[in-house]
């Protein structure tokens, strides 16, 4: 059997497709055969088990598909397509197809290690969504990040960082965060959606200009409050429970807006009036 290299011909007949070509010429019959091998996808998880579509010509009667030294189970779909199940591995390997006419030139297949996650830069945010970064490793091929049942497409910064816009949620609560890459899916992180604070009352709503007035603020979703401000001035406050907090007015003048802020949002529905101290 005479082996003929027809690689250049494959570049013309299949432009832009990375493939390898081997031609065989049977001198006794004058019959020639070319096998073109391409893989889709050409990468997958180290655990294996995923389907790989091998396309080309001359696959009829194929007897073996190998990923490196490991044999793969496969089905010959047609003379131009084979569906193989990738075995497990941890490195890049060469894939070959063997038929009665010989063995194809190898094509590279890349095994991707599963993602490892370490932390979220922000592990909580409002129902309207937020921006957070995921720190870990093996993140280059990340295609999806799920927050509970809601998925988002991340921006891959590098192999150890993803930036992602957290999707919106209808209700407050903690959800699992999972990351999907070509190497598999990992979870173990959580994100907490926080409802915005709602203030329904404040007593008293006035006090001396030197400050120190204790006002009881009532409403809902107050246990996550991070800041209470009287106008531009921050106030000391105490969270009693999810429906009550006590704020102490700083010094000031005139009537100012009382702003209650949490991770979930802002309420600015109340005002406080400073009374001028005589003398």
C-alpha atoms as a PDB file:
ATOM      1  CA  UNK A   1       0.000   0.000   0.000  1.00  0.00           C
ATOM      2  CA  UNK A   2       1.339   3.414  -0.982  1.00  0.00           C
ATOM      3  CA  UNK A   3       0.648   6.253   1.520  1.00  0.00           C
ATOM      4  CA  UNK A   4      -0.042   9.608  -0.121  1.00  0.00           C
ATOM      5  CA  UNK A   5      -0.063  12.869   1.865  1.00  0.00           C
ATOM      6  CA  UNK A   6      -2.970  14.992   0.643  1.00  0.00           C
ATOM      7  CA  UNK A   7      -3.071  17.499   3.528  1.00  0.00           C
ATOM      8  CA  UNK A   8      -2.921  20.507   1.227  1.00  0.00           C
ATOM      9  CA  UNK A   9      -5.877  19.224  -0.710  1.00  0.00           C
ATOM     10  CA  UNK A  10      -7.925  19.085   2.478  1.00  0.00           C
ATOM     11  CA  UNK A  11      -7.226  22.758   3.122  1.00  0.00           C
ATOM     12  CA  UNK A  12      -8.742  23.639  -0.222  1.00  0.00           C
ATOM     13  CA  UNK A  13     -11.747  21.377   0.058  1.00  0.00           C
ATOM     14  CA  UNK A  14     -12.567  22.248   3.683  1.00  0.00           C
ATOM     15  CA  UNK A  15     -11.425  25.868   4.182  1.00  0.00           C
ATOM     16  CA  UNK A  16     -11.052  27.098   7.746  1.00  0.00           C
ATOM     17  CA  UNK A  17     -11.528  23.651   9.314  1.00  0.00           C
ATOM     18  CA  UNK A  18      -8.642  22.263  11.351  1.00  0.00           C
ATOM     19  CA  UNK A  19      -8.367  18.644  10.284  1.00  0.00           C
ATOM     20  CA  UNK A  20      -5.857  15.998   9.332  1.00  0.00           C
ATOM     21  CA  UNK A  21      -5.966  13.930   6.165  1.00  0.00           C
ATOM     22  CA  UNK A  22      -4.401  10.657   5.205  1.00  0.00           C
ATOM     23  CA  UNK A  23      -4.814   9.148   1.758  1.00  0.00           C
ATOM     24  CA  UNK A  24      -4.253   5.560   0.886  1.00  0.00           C
ATOM     25  CA  UNK A  25      -3.776   4.201  -2.568  1.00  0.00           C
ATOM     26  CA  UNK A  26      -4.295   0.535  -3.221  1.00  0.00           C
ATOM     27  CA  UNK A  27      -1.948  -0.245  -6.076  1.00  0.00           C
ATOM     28  CA  UNK A  28      -3.530  -3.608  -6.789  1.00  0.00           C
ATOM     29  CA  UNK A  29      -6.984  -2.172  -7.501  1.00  0.00           C
ATOM     30  CA  UNK A  30      -6.274   1.464  -8.217  1.00  0.00           C
ATOM     31  CA  UNK A  31      -8.715   2.327  -5.439  1.00  0.00           C
ATOM     32  CA  UNK A  32      -7.939   5.407  -3.294  1.00  0.00           C
ATOM     33  CA  UNK A  33      -9.370   6.369   0.110  1.00  0.00           C
ATOM     34  CA  UNK A  34      -9.094   9.593   2.158  1.00  0.00           C
ATOM     35  CA  UNK A  35     -10.198   9.832   5.806  1.00  0.00           C
ATOM     36  CA  UNK A  36     -10.787  13.335   7.154  1.00  0.00           C
ATOM     37  CA  UNK A  37     -11.327  13.506  10.910  1.00  0.00           C
ATOM     38  CA  UNK A  38     -12.869  16.435  12.817  1.00  0.00           C
ATOM     39  CA  UNK A  39     -14.215  16.423  16.367  1.00  0.00           C
ATOM     40  CA  UNK A  40     -17.216  18.265  17.782  1.00  0.00           C
ATOM     41  CA  UNK A  41     -16.666  19.162  20.517  1.00  0.00           C
ATOM     42  CA  UNK A  42     -12.889  18.880  20.646  1.00  0.00           C
ATOM     43  CA  UNK A  43     -12.821  19.220  24.441  1.00  0.00           C
ATOM     44  CA  UNK A  44     -14.721  17.826  27.397  1.00  0.00           C
ATOM     45  CA  UNK A  45     -14.641  16.966  31.100  1.00  0.00           C
ATOM     46  CA  UNK A  46     -11.867  14.860  32.577  1.00  0.00           C
ATOM     47  CA  UNK A  47     -14.546  12.495  33.860  1.00  0.00           C
ATOM     48  CA  UNK A  48     -15.502  11.640  30.273  1.00  0.00           C
ATOM     49  CA  UNK A  49     -18.927  10.279  29.404  1.00  0.00           C
ATOM     50  CA  UNK A  50     -19.816  13.003  26.896  1.00  0.00           C
ATOM     51  CA  UNK A  51     -20.682  12.426  23.250  1.00  0.00           C
ATOM     52  CA  UNK A  52     -18.173  13.444  20.574  1.00  0.00           C
ATOM     53  CA  UNK A  53     -19.223  13.630  16.929  1.00  0.00           C
ATOM     54  CA  UNK A  54     -16.465  12.523  14.560  1.00  0.00           C
ATOM     55  CA  UNK A  55     -16.998  13.544  10.949  1.00  0.00           C
ATOM     56  CA  UNK A  56     -15.112  12.656   7.804  1.00  0.00           C
ATOM     57  CA  UNK A  57     -15.213   9.940   5.136  1.00  0.00           C
ATOM     58  CA  UNK A  58     -14.626   6.230   4.913  1.00  0.00           C
ATOM     59  CA  UNK A  59     -16.019   5.272   8.320  1.00  0.00           C
ATOM     60  CA  UNK A  60     -17.989   2.246   7.114  1.00  0.00           C
ATOM     61  CA  UNK A  61     -16.876  -0.850   8.983  1.00  0.00           C
ATOM     62  CA  UNK A  62     -14.903   1.080  11.621  1.00  0.00           C
ATOM     63  CA  UNK A  63     -13.506  -1.282  14.235  1.00  0.00           C
ATOM     64  CA  UNK A  64     -11.983   1.060  16.778  1.00  0.00           C
ATOM     65  CA  UNK A  65     -12.032   4.630  18.089  1.00  0.00           C
ATOM     66  CA  UNK A  66      -9.280   5.548  20.512  1.00  0.00           C
ATOM     67  CA  UNK A  67      -8.739   8.578  22.723  1.00  0.00           C
ATOM     68  CA  UNK A  68      -5.031   8.276  23.320  1.00  0.00           C
ATOM     69  CA  UNK A  69      -4.465   4.726  24.555  1.00  0.00           C
ATOM     70  CA  UNK A  70      -8.079   4.285  25.708  1.00  0.00           C
ATOM     71  CA  UNK A  71     -10.734   2.690  23.524  1.00  0.00           C
ATOM     72  CA  UNK A  72     -14.060   4.510  23.274  1.00  0.00           C
ATOM     73  CA  UNK A  73     -17.491   3.033  22.762  1.00  0.00           C
ATOM     74  CA  UNK A  74     -18.910   4.314  19.497  1.00  0.00           C
ATOM     75  CA  UNK A  75     -21.652   4.022  16.909  1.00  0.00           C
ATOM     76  CA  UNK A  76     -21.073   4.339  13.166  1.00  0.00           C
ATOM     77  CA  UNK A  77     -23.885   6.673  12.145  1.00  0.00           C
ATOM     78  CA  UNK A  78     -22.892   6.724   8.478  1.00  0.00           C
ATOM     79  CA  UNK A  79     -19.841   6.550   6.270  1.00  0.00           C
ATOM     80  CA  UNK A  80     -19.169  10.175   7.192  1.00  0.00           C
ATOM     81  CA  UNK A  81     -20.049  10.279  10.913  1.00  0.00           C
ATOM     82  CA  UNK A  82     -19.279   8.412  14.131  1.00  0.00           C
ATOM     83  CA  UNK A  83     -20.681   9.172  17.582  1.00  0.00           C
ATOM     84  CA  UNK A  84     -18.187   8.246  20.296  1.00  0.00           C
ATOM     85  CA  UNK A  85     -18.363   8.417  24.089  1.00  0.00           C
ATOM     86  CA  UNK A  86     -15.200   9.992  25.444  1.00  0.00           C
ATOM     87  CA  UNK A  87     -13.453   7.911  28.124  1.00  0.00           C
ATOM     88  CA  UNK A  88     -12.037   9.600  31.222  1.00  0.00           C
ATOM     89  CA  UNK A  89      -8.611  11.215  31.154  1.00  0.00           C
ATOM     90  CA  UNK A  90      -6.772  14.245  32.486  1.00  0.00           C
ATOM     91  CA  UNK A  91      -4.604  15.330  29.556  1.00  0.00           C
ATOM     92  CA  UNK A  92      -4.805  16.241  25.892  1.00  0.00           C
ATOM     93  CA  UNK A  93      -4.897  13.087  23.773  1.00  0.00           C
ATOM     94  CA  UNK A  94      -4.946  12.140  20.117  1.00  0.00           C
ATOM     95  CA  UNK A  95      -8.082  10.562  18.673  1.00  0.00           C
ATOM     96  CA  UNK A  96      -7.865   7.976  15.890  1.00  0.00           C
ATOM     97  CA  UNK A  97     -10.385   5.939  13.937  1.00  0.00           C
ATOM     98  CA  UNK A  98      -9.505   2.497  12.625  1.00  0.00           C
ATOM     99  CA  UNK A  99     -11.307   0.931   9.661  1.00  0.00           C
ATOM    100  CA  UNK A 100     -10.487  -2.064   7.428  1.00  0.00           C
ATOM    101  CA  UNK A 101      -8.633   0.432   5.243  1.00  0.00           C
ATOM    102  CA  UNK A 102      -6.310   1.565   8.033  1.00  0.00           C
ATOM    103  CA  UNK A 103      -6.058   4.103  10.846  1.00  0.00           C
ATOM    104  CA  UNK A 104      -6.688   7.811  10.447  1.00  0.00           C
ATOM    105  CA  UNK A 105      -4.109  10.432  11.282  1.00  0.00           C
ATOM    106  CA  UNK A 106      -4.660  11.666  14.868  1.00  0.00           C
ATOM    107  CA  UNK A 107      -6.680  14.715  15.907  1.00  0.00           C
ATOM    108  CA  UNK A 108      -6.253  16.370  19.294  1.00  0.00           C
ATOM    109  CA  UNK A 109      -8.950  16.193  21.966  1.00  0.00           C
ATOM    110  CA  UNK A 110      -8.557  18.237  25.155  1.00  0.00           C
ATOM    111  CA  UNK A 111      -9.665  17.139  28.617  1.00  0.00           C
ATOM    112  CA  UNK A 112     -10.702  19.998  30.883  1.00  0.00           C
ATOM    113  CA  UNK A 113     -10.355  19.782  34.650  1.00  0.00           C
ATOM    114  CA  UNK A 114     -13.530  20.560  36.644  1.00  0.00           C
ATOM    115  CA  UNK A 115     -13.939  24.096  37.982  1.00  0.00           C
ATOM    116  CA  UNK A 116     -12.907  24.878  41.540  1.00  0.00           C
ATOM    117  CA  UNK A 117     -14.640  27.731  43.359  1.00  0.00           C
ATOM    118  CA  UNK A 118     -13.327  29.564  46.383  1.00  0.00           C
ATOM    119  CA  UNK A 119     -15.469  32.615  47.044  1.00  0.00           C
ATOM    120  CA  UNK A 120     -17.880  35.294  45.839  1.00  0.00           C
ATOM    121  CA  UNK A 121     -16.824  38.923  46.095  1.00  0.00           C
ATOM    122  CA  UNK A 122     -20.440  39.758  47.034  1.00  0.00           C
ATOM    123  CA  UNK A 123     -22.503  36.969  48.552  1.00  0.00           C
ATOM    124  CA  UNK A 124     -25.722  38.977  48.914  1.00  0.00           C
ATOM    125  CA  UNK A 125     -27.643  41.595  46.980  1.00  0.00           C
ATOM    126  CA  UNK A 126     -31.045  43.044  46.117  1.00  0.00           C
ATOM    127  CA  UNK A 127     -33.882  41.247  44.348  1.00  0.00           C
ATOM    128  CA  UNK A 128     -33.106  43.373  41.292  1.00  0.00           C
ATOM    129  CA  UNK A 129     -29.751  41.652  40.906  1.00  0.00           C
ATOM    130  CA  UNK A 130     -26.157  42.682  41.485  1.00  0.00           C
ATOM    131  CA  UNK A 131     -22.638  42.277  40.162  1.00  0.00           C
ATOM    132  CA  UNK A 132     -20.271  39.784  41.752  1.00  0.00           C
ATOM    133  CA  UNK A 133     -17.000  38.038  40.999  1.00  0.00           C
ATOM    134  CA  UNK A 134     -16.308  34.354  41.451  1.00  0.00           C
ATOM    135  CA  UNK A 135     -12.784  33.458  42.493  1.00  0.00           C
ATOM    136  CA  UNK A 136     -11.483  29.942  41.862  1.00  0.00           C
ATOM    137  CA  UNK A 137      -9.524  27.967  39.286  1.00  0.00           C
ATOM    138  CA  UNK A 138     -10.102  26.131  35.987  1.00  0.00           C
ATOM    139  CA  UNK A 139     -12.664  28.793  35.025  1.00  0.00           C
ATOM    140  CA  UNK A 140     -11.493  29.633  31.491  1.00  0.00           C
ATOM    141  CA  UNK A 141     -14.197  27.595  29.731  1.00  0.00           C
ATOM    142  CA  UNK A 142     -17.071  28.740  31.978  1.00  0.00           C
ATOM    143  CA  UNK A 143     -20.304  29.052  30.010  1.00  0.00           C
ATOM    144  CA  UNK A 144     -22.930  29.470  32.718  1.00  0.00           C
ATOM    145  CA  UNK A 145     -23.384  30.433  36.356  1.00  0.00           C
ATOM    146  CA  UNK A 146     -26.678  29.478  37.988  1.00  0.00           C
ATOM    147  CA  UNK A 147     -28.210  31.247  40.982  1.00  0.00           C
ATOM    148  CA  UNK A 148     -30.855  28.806  42.083  1.00  0.00           C
ATOM    149  CA  UNK A 149     -32.976  28.157  38.989  1.00  0.00           C
ATOM    150  CA  UNK A 150     -31.821  31.331  37.210  1.00  0.00           C
ATOM    151  CA  UNK A 151     -28.772  31.217  34.944  1.00  0.00           C
ATOM    152  CA  UNK A 152     -26.407  33.971  33.852  1.00  0.00           C
ATOM    153  CA  UNK A 153     -23.599  34.074  31.291  1.00  0.00           C
ATOM    154  CA  UNK A 154     -20.340  35.098  32.998  1.00  0.00           C
ATOM    155  CA  UNK A 155     -17.497  37.223  31.690  1.00  0.00           C
ATOM    156  CA  UNK A 156     -14.261  35.225  31.894  1.00  0.00           C
ATOM    157  CA  UNK A 157     -11.568  37.556  33.221  1.00  0.00           C
ATOM    158  CA  UNK A 158      -8.948  34.823  33.521  1.00  0.00           C
ATOM    159  CA  UNK A 159      -8.630  31.227  34.660  1.00  0.00           C
ATOM    160  CA  UNK A 160      -9.187  32.219  38.292  1.00  0.00           C
ATOM    161  CA  UNK A 161     -11.905  34.885  38.031  1.00  0.00           C
ATOM    162  CA  UNK A 162     -15.375  35.269  36.562  1.00  0.00           C
ATOM    163  CA  UNK A 163     -17.471  38.434  36.630  1.00  0.00           C
ATOM    164  CA  UNK A 164     -21.212  37.856  36.525  1.00  0.00           C
ATOM    165  CA  UNK A 165     -24.404  39.874  36.683  1.00  0.00           C
ATOM    166  CA  UNK A 166     -26.616  38.164  39.242  1.00  0.00           C
ATOM    167  CA  UNK A 167     -30.087  37.644  37.745  1.00  0.00           C
ATOM    168  CA  UNK A 168     -33.198  39.061  39.391  1.00  0.00           C
ATOM    169  CA  UNK A 169     -35.318  37.101  41.857  1.00  0.00           C
ATOM    170  CA  UNK A 170     -38.966  37.306  42.862  1.00  0.00           C
ATOM    171  CA  UNK A 171     -38.483  36.522  46.541  1.00  0.00           C
ATOM    172  CA  UNK A 172     -35.808  36.961  49.187  1.00  0.00           C
ATOM    173  CA  UNK A 173     -33.752  33.976  50.296  1.00  0.00           C
ATOM    174  CA  UNK A 174     -30.504  32.068  49.874  1.00  0.00           C
ATOM    175  CA  UNK A 175     -29.866  30.088  46.686  1.00  0.00           C
ATOM    176  CA  UNK A 176     -27.110  27.753  45.564  1.00  0.00           C
ATOM    177  CA  UNK A 177     -24.554  29.018  43.059  1.00  0.00           C
ATOM    178  CA  UNK A 178     -23.211  26.538  40.492  1.00  0.00           C
ATOM    179  CA  UNK A 179     -20.590  27.038  37.778  1.00  0.00           C
ATOM    180  CA  UNK A 180     -20.600  25.103  34.510  1.00  0.00           C
ATOM    181  CA  UNK A 181     -17.486  24.764  32.352  1.00  0.00           C
ATOM    182  CA  UNK A 182     -16.327  22.334  29.691  1.00  0.00           C
ATOM    183  CA  UNK A 183     -14.824  20.393  32.601  1.00  0.00           C
ATOM    184  CA  UNK A 184     -18.111  19.939  34.448  1.00  0.00           C
ATOM    185  CA  UNK A 185     -20.280  21.653  37.043  1.00  0.00           C
ATOM    186  CA  UNK A 186     -19.422  22.587  40.605  1.00  0.00           C
ATOM    187  CA  UNK A 187     -21.438  24.083  43.443  1.00  0.00           C
ATOM    188  CA  UNK A 188     -21.013  24.830  47.134  1.00  0.00           C
ATOM    189  CA  UNK A 189     -21.307  28.618  47.051  1.00  0.00           C
ATOM    190  CA  UNK A 190     -24.486  30.481  47.993  1.00  0.00           C
ATOM    191  CA  UNK A 191     -25.967  33.907  47.276  1.00  0.00           C
ATOM    192  CA  UNK A 192     -28.581  35.614  49.440  1.00  0.00           C
ATOM    193  CA  UNK A 193     -31.255  37.806  47.872  1.00  0.00           C
ATOM    194  CA  UNK A 194     -32.298  40.560  50.285  1.00  0.00           C
ATOM    195  CA  UNK A 195     -35.663  42.336  50.084  1.00  0.00           C
ATOM    196  CA  UNK A 196     -35.579  46.153  50.323  1.00  0.00           C
ATOM    197  CA  UNK A 197     -36.436  47.801  53.647  1.00  0.00           C
ATOM    198  CA  UNK A 198     -39.885  49.356  53.915  1.00  0.00           C
ATOM    199  CA  UNK A 199     -40.491  51.984  56.623  1.00  0.00           C
ATOM    200  CA  UNK A 200     -44.102  52.601  57.647  1.00  0.00           C
ATOM    201  CA  UNK A 201     -43.584  54.829  60.679  1.00  0.00           C
ATOM    202  CA  UNK A 202     -41.130  56.844  62.782  1.00  0.00           C
ATOM    203  CA  UNK A 203     -41.674  58.253  66.279  1.00  0.00           C
ATOM    204  CA  UNK A 204     -40.740  60.940  67.203  1.00  0.00           C
ATOM    205  CA  UNK A 205     -40.011  62.843  64.002  1.00  0.00           C
ATOM    206  CA  UNK A 206     -38.470  65.903  65.629  1.00  0.00           C
ATOM    207  CA  UNK A 207     -35.907  66.757  68.282  1.00  0.00           C
ATOM    208  CA  UNK A 208     -33.307  69.308  69.391  1.00  0.00           C
ATOM    209  CA  UNK A 209     -30.640  70.459  66.993  1.00  0.00           C
ATOM    210  CA  UNK A 210     -27.838  69.086  69.161  1.00  0.00           C
ATOM    211  CA  UNK A 211     -29.055  65.545  68.382  1.00  0.00           C
ATOM    212  CA  UNK A 212     -29.454  62.475  70.555  1.00  0.00           C
ATOM    213  CA  UNK A 213     -33.173  61.943  70.011  1.00  0.00           C
ATOM    214  CA  UNK A 214     -34.073  58.234  69.977  1.00  0.00           C
ATOM    215  CA  UNK A 215     -36.653  57.508  67.291  1.00  0.00           C
ATOM    216  CA  UNK A 216     -38.370  54.154  66.818  1.00  0.00           C
ATOM    217  CA  UNK A 217     -38.574  53.217  63.154  1.00  0.00           C
ATOM    218  CA  UNK A 218     -41.026  50.471  62.185  1.00  0.00           C
ATOM    219  CA  UNK A 219     -41.540  48.594  58.960  1.00  0.00           C
ATOM    220  CA  UNK A 220     -40.431  45.382  57.241  1.00  0.00           C
ATOM    221  CA  UNK A 221     -37.101  43.860  56.204  1.00  0.00           C
ATOM    222  CA  UNK A 222     -35.210  45.961  58.744  1.00  0.00           C
ATOM    223  CA  UNK A 223     -32.918  43.239  60.126  1.00  0.00           C
ATOM    224  CA  UNK A 224     -30.534  43.683  57.172  1.00  0.00           C
ATOM    225  CA  UNK A 225     -30.200  47.469  57.544  1.00  0.00           C
ATOM    226  CA  UNK A 226     -26.622  48.679  57.186  1.00  0.00           C
ATOM    227  CA  UNK A 227     -27.047  52.432  57.501  1.00  0.00           C
ATOM    228  CA  UNK A 228     -29.448  55.096  58.751  1.00  0.00           C
ATOM    229  CA  UNK A 229     -28.770  58.694  57.745  1.00  0.00           C
ATOM    230  CA  UNK A 230     -30.391  61.988  58.680  1.00  0.00           C
ATOM    231  CA  UNK A 231     -29.776  64.096  55.603  1.00  0.00           C
ATOM    232  CA  UNK A 232     -26.078  63.638  54.788  1.00  0.00           C
ATOM    233  CA  UNK A 233     -25.176  62.612  58.347  1.00  0.00           C
ATOM    234  CA  UNK A 234     -24.964  58.975  59.465  1.00  0.00           C
ATOM    235  CA  UNK A 235     -26.806  58.030  62.634  1.00  0.00           C
ATOM    236  CA  UNK A 236     -26.159  55.483  65.334  1.00  0.00           C
ATOM    237  CA  UNK A 237     -28.900  52.835  65.273  1.00  0.00           C
ATOM    238  CA  UNK A 238     -29.903  49.568  66.886  1.00  0.00           C
ATOM    239  CA  UNK A 239     -31.764  46.771  65.076  1.00  0.00           C
ATOM    240  CA  UNK A 240     -34.387  45.338  67.443  1.00  0.00           C
ATOM    241  CA  UNK A 241     -35.896  42.824  65.015  1.00  0.00           C
ATOM    242  CA  UNK A 242     -36.996  42.603  61.396  1.00  0.00           C
ATOM    243  CA  UNK A 243     -39.760  45.161  61.965  1.00  0.00           C
ATOM    244  CA  UNK A 244     -38.187  47.603  64.414  1.00  0.00           C
ATOM    245  CA  UNK A 245     -35.024  49.635  64.829  1.00  0.00           C
ATOM    246  CA  UNK A 246     -34.069  52.577  67.006  1.00  0.00           C
ATOM    247  CA  UNK A 247     -32.100  55.461  65.499  1.00  0.00           C
ATOM    248  CA  UNK A 248     -30.407  58.312  67.337  1.00  0.00           C
ATOM    249  CA  UNK A 249     -30.424  61.664  65.587  1.00  0.00           C
ATOM    250  CA  UNK A 250     -27.075  63.348  64.930  1.00  0.00           C
ATOM    251  CA  UNK A 251     -26.918  67.091  65.256  1.00  0.00           C
ATOM    252  CA  UNK A 252     -28.430  69.165  62.464  1.00  0.00           C
ATOM    253  CA  UNK A 253     -30.709  71.956  61.335  1.00  0.00           C
ATOM    254  CA  UNK A 254     -34.019  72.198  59.527  1.00  0.00           C
ATOM    255  CA  UNK A 255     -35.959  69.228  58.158  1.00  0.00           C
ATOM    256  CA  UNK A 256     -33.962  66.367  56.680  1.00  0.00           C
ATOM    257  CA  UNK A 257     -34.769  63.086  54.947  1.00  0.00           C
ATOM    258  CA  UNK A 258     -34.198  59.934  56.977  1.00  0.00           C
ATOM    259  CA  UNK A 259     -32.686  57.279  54.719  1.00  0.00           C
ATOM    260  CA  UNK A 260     -32.677  53.619  55.712  1.00  0.00           C
ATOM    261  CA  UNK A 261     -30.296  51.476  53.631  1.00  0.00           C
ATOM    262  CA  UNK A 262     -29.710  47.736  53.418  1.00  0.00           C
ATOM    263  CA  UNK A 263     -28.154  45.380  50.862  1.00  0.00           C
ATOM    264  CA  UNK A 264     -31.668  44.998  49.477  1.00  0.00           C
ATOM    265  CA  UNK A 265     -32.292  48.679  48.776  1.00  0.00           C
ATOM    266  CA  UNK A 266     -33.194  52.067  50.235  1.00  0.00           C
ATOM    267  CA  UNK A 267     -36.226  53.624  51.938  1.00  0.00           C
ATOM    268  CA  UNK A 268     -36.358  57.431  52.176  1.00  0.00           C
ATOM    269  CA  UNK A 269     -39.999  57.938  53.094  1.00  0.00           C
ATOM    270  CA  UNK A 270     -39.485  59.618  56.492  1.00  0.00           C
ATOM    271  CA  UNK A 271     -38.272  63.059  57.597  1.00  0.00           C
ATOM    272  CA  UNK A 272     -36.920  64.475  60.844  1.00  0.00           C
ATOM    273  CA  UNK A 273     -37.131  68.103  61.936  1.00  0.00           C
ATOM    274  CA  UNK A 274     -34.474  69.700  64.146  1.00  0.00           C
ATOM    275  CA  UNK A 275     -35.750  72.272  66.659  1.00  0.00           C
ATOM    276  CA  UNK A 276     -33.493  75.221  67.353  1.00  0.00           C
ATOM    277  CA  UNK A 277     -32.217  75.208  70.891  1.00  0.00           C
ATOM    278  CA  UNK A 278     -32.894  78.570  72.645  1.00  0.00           C
ATOM    279  CA  UNK A 279     -29.888  80.655  73.528  1.00  0.00           C
END
